[in-house]
Amino acid sequence: MHPVIVVFLGAGTGGVIRHLVNLAVPKLLGAAFPFATFIINVTGSLLMGLIVGYLAFKDGEFWSQTMRLFLTTGILGGYTTFSTFSLDFALLFERGDAALAVTYVVASVLLSLLAVFAGLAIMRTLS
């Protein structure tokens, strides 16, 4: 199967799972805090670590590149991109680039928050 199709199918699956979590969690824990997003980000990061760790340290030969794409780029990418962000930080940190890893986190969070506010401001102006 073509890799683009594999990622497409995985991302759809991950997106549906995310939607279901977004529906269920506020009913269980309330909506005063973004528990659903928090849970999605943490569980997605845990799953990314488990999958990549398994592939790197256990039996990387068992899983095909297609399965890796389906699970990591596809499902986890559709579920949360925060898992990829967390993996990027971990890889920078583990290769000894702690300062770059911290810079990546701080810059990503601050610029992403600024970008959200900029987008909101632009749309308010255009409305």
N, C-alpha and C. Protein backbone atom coordinates (compact mmCIF):
# COMPACT_ATOMS: atom_id res chain seq x y z
N MET A 1 0.84 -1.18 0.00
CA MET A 1 0.00 0.00 0.00
C MET A 1 0.89 1.25 0.00
N HIS A 2 0.51 2.27 -0.73
CA HIS A 2 1.29 3.49 -0.83
C HIS A 2 1.38 4.18 0.54
N PRO A 3 2.57 4.68 0.91
CA PRO A 3 2.75 5.31 2.22
C PRO A 3 1.77 6.46 2.51
N VAL A 4 1.41 7.22 1.50
CA VAL A 4 0.47 8.33 1.71
C VAL A 4 -0.90 7.80 2.13
N ILE A 5 -1.31 6.70 1.55
CA ILE A 5 -2.60 6.09 1.92
C ILE A 5 -2.53 5.55 3.34
N VAL A 6 -1.41 4.95 3.69
CA VAL A 6 -1.22 4.40 5.04
C VAL A 6 -1.33 5.52 6.08
N VAL A 7 -0.65 6.64 5.84
CA VAL A 7 -0.70 7.78 6.77
C VAL A 7 -2.12 8.34 6.82
N PHE A 8 -2.77 8.45 5.67
CA PHE A 8 -4.13 8.96 5.59
C PHE A 8 -5.09 8.12 6.44
N LEU A 9 -5.00 6.81 6.30
CA LEU A 9 -5.87 5.93 7.08
C LEU A 9 -5.58 6.01 8.58
N GLY A 10 -4.31 6.07 8.92
CA GLY A 10 -3.93 6.19 10.33
C GLY A 10 -4.37 7.51 10.93
N ALA A 11 -4.18 8.60 10.18
CA ALA A 11 -4.56 9.92 10.68
C ALA A 11 -6.06 10.02 10.89
N GLY A 12 -6.82 9.41 9.98
CA GLY A 12 -8.28 9.38 10.17
C GLY A 12 -8.66 8.62 11.42
N THR A 13 -8.01 7.51 11.65
CA THR A 13 -8.26 6.71 12.85
C THR A 13 -7.91 7.51 14.10
N GLY A 14 -6.73 8.13 14.09
CA GLY A 14 -6.32 8.93 15.24
C GLY A 14 -7.24 10.11 15.49
N GLY A 15 -7.70 10.74 14.43
CA GLY A 15 -8.62 11.87 14.56
C GLY A 15 -9.95 11.45 15.17
N VAL A 16 -10.44 10.29 14.77
CA VAL A 16 -11.69 9.78 15.34
C VAL A 16 -11.50 9.48 16.83
N ILE A 17 -10.39 8.87 17.19
CA ILE A 17 -10.12 8.58 18.61
C ILE A 17 -10.05 9.89 19.40
N ARG A 18 -9.37 10.87 18.84
CA ARG A 18 -9.28 12.17 19.52
C ARG A 18 -10.68 12.76 19.72
N HIS A 19 -11.51 12.70 18.69
CA HIS A 19 -12.87 13.23 18.79
C HIS A 19 -13.65 12.52 19.89
N LEU A 20 -13.54 11.21 19.96
CA LEU A 20 -14.24 10.45 20.99
C LEU A 20 -13.77 10.83 22.39
N VAL A 21 -12.46 11.02 22.55
CA VAL A 21 -11.92 11.46 23.85
C VAL A 21 -12.45 12.86 24.17
N ASN A 22 -12.48 13.74 23.17
CA ASN A 22 -12.99 15.10 23.37
C ASN A 22 -14.46 15.10 23.77
N LEU A 23 -15.22 14.13 23.34
CA LEU A 23 -16.62 14.03 23.72
C LEU A 23 -16.79 13.43 25.12
N ALA A 24 -16.01 12.41 25.43
CA ALA A 24 -16.19 11.66 26.67
C ALA A 24 -15.62 12.36 27.91
N VAL A 25 -14.43 12.91 27.78
CA VAL A 25 -13.74 13.42 28.97
C VAL A 25 -14.47 14.58 29.65
N PRO A 26 -14.98 15.57 28.93
CA PRO A 26 -15.71 16.63 29.63
C PRO A 26 -16.93 16.12 30.40
N LYS A 27 -17.57 15.07 29.90
CA LYS A 27 -18.71 14.47 30.61
C LYS A 27 -18.26 13.83 31.92
N LEU A 28 -17.04 13.29 31.90
CA LEU A 28 -16.52 12.60 33.09
C LEU A 28 -15.85 13.55 34.08
N LEU A 29 -15.11 14.54 33.56
CA LEU A 29 -14.30 15.39 34.44
C LEU A 29 -14.71 16.86 34.44
N GLY A 30 -15.69 17.22 33.65
CA GLY A 30 -16.12 18.61 33.58
C GLY A 30 -15.35 19.37 32.52
N ALA A 31 -15.81 20.61 32.28
CA ALA A 31 -15.22 21.41 31.20
C ALA A 31 -14.48 22.65 31.72
N ALA A 32 -14.27 22.74 33.02
CA ALA A 32 -13.60 23.93 33.57
C ALA A 32 -12.12 23.97 33.23
N PHE A 33 -11.53 22.83 32.95
CA PHE A 33 -10.12 22.71 32.59
C PHE A 33 -10.06 21.84 31.32
N PRO A 34 -9.12 22.12 30.39
CA PRO A 34 -9.07 21.32 29.16
C PRO A 34 -8.48 19.93 29.39
N PHE A 35 -9.19 19.14 30.21
CA PHE A 35 -8.71 17.81 30.55
C PHE A 35 -8.55 16.93 29.31
N ALA A 36 -9.46 17.05 28.36
CA ALA A 36 -9.39 16.18 27.17
C ALA A 36 -8.09 16.41 26.42
N THR A 37 -7.76 17.67 26.14
CA THR A 37 -6.52 17.98 25.43
C THR A 37 -5.32 17.54 26.24
N PHE A 38 -5.37 17.78 27.54
CA PHE A 38 -4.28 17.39 28.42
C PHE A 38 -4.07 15.87 28.37
N ILE A 39 -5.15 15.12 28.48
CA ILE A 39 -5.06 13.66 28.44
C ILE A 39 -4.57 13.18 27.07
N ILE A 40 -5.07 13.79 26.01
CA ILE A 40 -4.64 13.43 24.65
C ILE A 40 -3.14 13.67 24.49
N ASN A 41 -2.66 14.83 24.93
CA ASN A 41 -1.23 15.14 24.79
C ASN A 41 -0.36 14.19 25.59
N VAL A 42 -0.76 13.89 26.82
CA VAL A 42 0.06 13.02 27.67
C VAL A 42 0.01 11.57 27.17
N THR A 43 -1.18 11.07 26.85
CA THR A 43 -1.27 9.69 26.38
C THR A 43 -0.63 9.52 25.00
N GLY A 44 -0.77 10.52 24.15
CA GLY A 44 -0.11 10.46 22.84
C GLY A 44 1.40 10.43 22.97
N SER A 45 1.92 11.22 23.90
CA SER A 45 3.37 11.23 24.13
C SER A 45 3.83 9.91 24.71
N LEU A 46 3.05 9.35 25.64
CA LEU A 46 3.40 8.04 26.20
C LEU A 46 3.41 6.98 25.11
N LEU A 47 2.38 6.97 24.28
CA LEU A 47 2.32 5.99 23.19
C LEU A 47 3.47 6.16 22.21
N MET A 48 3.83 7.41 21.90
CA MET A 48 4.96 7.66 20.99
C MET A 48 6.24 7.08 21.60
N GLY A 49 6.46 7.33 22.88
CA GLY A 49 7.64 6.78 23.55
C GLY A 49 7.65 5.27 23.55
N LEU A 50 6.50 4.66 23.82
CA LEU A 50 6.42 3.20 23.84
C LEU A 50 6.68 2.61 22.45
N ILE A 51 6.06 3.18 21.44
CA ILE A 51 6.22 2.64 20.08
C ILE A 51 7.64 2.83 19.57
N VAL A 52 8.15 4.06 19.68
CA VAL A 52 9.51 4.33 19.19
C VAL A 52 10.54 3.57 20.01
N GLY A 53 10.32 3.51 21.33
CA GLY A 53 11.22 2.75 22.19
C GLY A 53 11.23 1.27 21.84
N TYR A 54 10.06 0.72 21.59
CA TYR A 54 9.98 -0.68 21.20
C TYR A 54 10.73 -0.91 19.88
N LEU A 55 10.47 -0.03 18.93
CA LEU A 55 11.12 -0.18 17.62
C LEU A 55 12.64 -0.03 17.73
N ALA A 56 13.09 0.85 18.60
CA ALA A 56 14.53 1.12 18.72
C ALA A 56 15.24 0.07 19.58
N PHE A 57 14.59 -0.37 20.65
CA PHE A 57 15.29 -1.18 21.63
C PHE A 57 14.89 -2.65 21.67
N LYS A 58 13.74 -2.98 21.13
CA LYS A 58 13.28 -4.36 21.24
C LYS A 58 13.40 -5.11 19.92
N ASP A 59 12.41 -4.94 19.08
CA ASP A 59 12.34 -5.76 17.88
C ASP A 59 11.94 -4.90 16.68
N GLY A 60 12.82 -4.00 16.33
CA GLY A 60 12.55 -3.11 15.21
C GLY A 60 12.37 -3.83 13.89
N GLU A 61 12.88 -5.02 13.77
CA GLU A 61 12.77 -5.78 12.52
C GLU A 61 11.37 -6.36 12.34
N PHE A 62 10.64 -6.52 13.42
CA PHE A 62 9.33 -7.14 13.37
C PHE A 62 8.32 -6.26 12.63
N TRP A 63 8.42 -4.95 12.81
CA TRP A 63 7.44 -4.05 12.24
C TRP A 63 7.95 -3.46 10.94
N SER A 64 7.11 -3.44 9.97
CA SER A 64 7.48 -2.87 8.67
C SER A 64 7.42 -1.35 8.73
N GLN A 65 8.05 -0.71 7.75
CA GLN A 65 7.99 0.74 7.64
C GLN A 65 6.54 1.20 7.49
N THR A 66 5.72 0.40 6.82
CA THR A 66 4.31 0.73 6.65
C THR A 66 3.60 0.79 8.01
N MET A 67 3.87 -0.18 8.87
CA MET A 67 3.25 -0.20 10.20
C MET A 67 3.76 0.98 11.04
N ARG A 68 5.02 1.30 10.93
CA ARG A 68 5.58 2.45 11.66
C ARG A 68 4.89 3.74 11.22
N LEU A 69 4.75 3.93 9.92
CA LEU A 69 4.06 5.12 9.40
C LEU A 69 2.60 5.15 9.88
N PHE A 70 1.93 4.02 9.81
CA PHE A 70 0.54 3.95 10.23
C PHE A 70 0.37 4.34 11.69
N LEU A 71 1.23 3.81 12.56
CA LEU A 71 1.09 4.06 13.99
C LEU A 71 1.58 5.44 14.42
N THR A 72 2.78 5.84 13.98
CA THR A 72 3.36 7.09 14.48
C THR A 72 2.87 8.32 13.71
N THR A 73 3.18 8.38 12.44
CA THR A 73 2.78 9.54 11.64
C THR A 73 1.26 9.55 11.46
N GLY A 74 0.67 8.39 11.26
CA GLY A 74 -0.76 8.29 11.03
C GLY A 74 -1.59 8.44 12.29
N ILE A 75 -1.72 7.37 13.05
CA ILE A 75 -2.61 7.39 14.21
C ILE A 75 -2.20 8.46 15.21
N LEU A 76 -0.95 8.44 15.65
CA LEU A 76 -0.55 9.43 16.65
C LEU A 76 -0.54 10.85 16.09
N GLY A 77 -0.23 10.99 14.80
CA GLY A 77 -0.29 12.30 14.17
C GLY A 77 -1.71 12.84 14.12
N GLY A 78 -2.69 11.95 13.88
CA GLY A 78 -4.09 12.36 13.89
C GLY A 78 -4.62 12.56 15.30
N TYR A 79 -4.08 11.80 16.23
CA TYR A 79 -4.51 11.89 17.63
C TYR A 79 -3.93 13.13 18.29
N THR A 80 -2.65 13.36 18.12
CA THR A 80 -2.00 14.55 18.68
C THR A 80 -0.64 14.76 18.03
N THR A 81 -0.34 15.97 17.63
CA THR A 81 1.01 16.26 17.16
C THR A 81 1.94 16.55 18.33
N PHE A 82 1.36 16.67 19.52
CA PHE A 82 2.18 16.91 20.70
C PHE A 82 3.12 15.73 20.95
N SER A 83 2.71 14.54 20.56
CA SER A 83 3.58 13.38 20.75
C SER A 83 4.84 13.52 19.90
N THR A 84 4.72 14.04 18.70
CA THR A 84 5.89 14.26 17.84
C THR A 84 6.76 15.36 18.43
N PHE A 85 6.13 16.42 18.91
CA PHE A 85 6.84 17.51 19.57
C PHE A 85 7.65 16.96 20.75
N SER A 86 7.03 16.12 21.54
CA SER A 86 7.71 15.53 22.71
C SER A 86 8.88 14.65 22.28
N LEU A 87 8.69 13.87 21.22
CA LEU A 87 9.77 13.02 20.71
C LEU A 87 10.92 13.88 20.19
N ASP A 88 10.61 14.95 19.46
CA ASP A 88 11.66 15.85 18.96
C ASP A 88 12.50 16.40 20.12
N PHE A 89 11.82 16.82 21.19
CA PHE A 89 12.54 17.31 22.38
C PHE A 89 13.43 16.22 22.95
N ALA A 90 12.87 15.02 23.11
CA ALA A 90 13.64 13.91 23.70
C ALA A 90 14.86 13.58 22.86
N LEU A 91 14.72 13.56 21.54
CA LEU A 91 15.86 13.24 20.68
C LEU A 91 16.94 14.32 20.76
N LEU A 92 16.54 15.59 20.78
CA LEU A 92 17.53 16.66 20.94
C LEU A 92 18.24 16.53 22.29
N PHE A 93 17.48 16.27 23.34
CA PHE A 93 18.04 16.16 24.68
C PHE A 93 18.97 14.96 24.79
N GLU A 94 18.55 13.82 24.26
CA GLU A 94 19.35 12.61 24.37
C GLU A 94 20.63 12.66 23.56
N ARG A 95 20.66 13.46 22.51
CA ARG A 95 21.89 13.57 21.74
C ARG A 95 22.84 14.62 22.33
N GLY A 96 22.47 15.16 23.50
CA GLY A 96 23.34 16.08 24.21
C GLY A 96 23.11 17.54 23.92
N ASP A 97 22.06 17.87 23.20
CA ASP A 97 21.74 19.26 22.88
C ASP A 97 20.66 19.80 23.81
N ALA A 98 20.94 19.79 25.12
CA ALA A 98 19.94 20.20 26.10
C ALA A 98 19.51 21.65 25.90
N ALA A 99 20.45 22.53 25.63
CA ALA A 99 20.10 23.94 25.44
C ALA A 99 19.22 24.11 24.21
N LEU A 100 19.54 23.40 23.15
CA LEU A 100 18.72 23.47 21.94
C LEU A 100 17.34 22.87 22.19
N ALA A 101 17.29 21.80 22.96
CA ALA A 101 16.01 21.16 23.28
C ALA A 101 15.11 22.11 24.06
N VAL A 102 15.68 22.78 25.05
CA VAL A 102 14.90 23.73 25.85
C VAL A 102 14.48 24.92 24.99
N THR A 103 15.37 25.39 24.15
CA THR A 103 15.04 26.49 23.24
C THR A 103 13.89 26.09 22.33
N TYR A 104 13.93 24.88 21.84
CA TYR A 104 12.87 24.36 20.97
C TYR A 104 11.52 24.37 21.69
N VAL A 105 11.49 23.91 22.93
CA VAL A 105 10.25 23.87 23.70
C VAL A 105 9.73 25.28 23.97
N VAL A 106 10.59 26.13 24.49
CA VAL A 106 10.16 27.49 24.84
C VAL A 106 9.70 28.25 23.59
N ALA A 107 10.49 28.18 22.53
CA ALA A 107 10.13 28.89 21.30
C ALA A 107 8.84 28.33 20.69
N SER A 108 8.70 27.02 20.68
CA SER A 108 7.50 26.40 20.12
C SER A 108 6.25 26.81 20.87
N VAL A 109 6.32 26.74 22.19
CA VAL A 109 5.14 27.08 23.00
C VAL A 109 4.82 28.56 22.88
N LEU A 110 5.81 29.41 23.07
CA LEU A 110 5.55 30.86 23.01
C LEU A 110 5.08 31.30 21.63
N LEU A 111 5.76 30.87 20.58
CA LEU A 111 5.38 31.27 19.23
C LEU A 111 4.02 30.69 18.83
N SER A 112 3.73 29.48 19.28
CA SER A 112 2.42 28.90 18.98
C SER A 112 1.31 29.67 19.67
N LEU A 113 1.53 30.04 20.92
CA LEU A 113 0.53 30.85 21.63
C LEU A 113 0.37 32.22 20.97
N LEU A 114 1.47 32.84 20.62
CA LEU A 114 1.40 34.13 19.92
C LEU A 114 0.68 33.99 18.58
N ALA A 115 0.93 32.90 17.88
CA ALA A 115 0.28 32.67 16.59
C ALA A 115 -1.23 32.51 16.75
N VAL A 116 -1.67 31.82 17.79
CA VAL A 116 -3.10 31.68 18.04
C VAL A 116 -3.73 33.05 18.28
N PHE A 117 -3.09 33.85 19.13
CA PHE A 117 -3.62 35.19 19.40
C PHE A 117 -3.58 36.07 18.15
N ALA A 118 -2.54 35.94 17.35
CA ALA A 118 -2.45 36.71 16.11
C ALA A 118 -3.58 36.31 15.16
N GLY A 119 -3.82 35.02 15.02
CA GLY A 119 -4.91 34.56 14.17
C GLY A 119 -6.25 35.06 14.65
N LEU A 120 -6.48 35.01 15.96
CA LEU A 120 -7.73 35.53 16.52
C LEU A 120 -7.87 37.03 16.25
N ALA A 121 -6.77 37.77 16.46
CA ALA A 121 -6.81 39.21 16.23
C ALA A 121 -7.08 39.55 14.76
N ILE A 122 -6.46 38.81 13.86
CA ILE A 122 -6.67 39.05 12.43
C ILE A 122 -8.13 38.80 12.07
N MET A 123 -8.69 37.71 12.57
CA MET A 123 -10.08 37.40 12.25
C MET A 123 -11.04 38.38 12.89
N ARG A 124 -10.73 38.87 14.10
CA ARG A 124 -11.58 39.90 14.71
C ARG A 124 -11.57 41.16 13.87
N THR A 125 -10.40 41.52 13.35
CA THR A 125 -10.27 42.71 12.52
C THR A 125 -11.04 42.56 11.22
N LEU A 126 -11.01 41.38 10.64
CA LEU A 126 -11.69 41.14 9.36
C LEU A 126 -13.20 40.93 9.52
N SER A 127 -13.65 40.69 10.74
CA SER A 127 -15.09 40.43 10.96
C SER A 127 -15.91 41.69 10.99
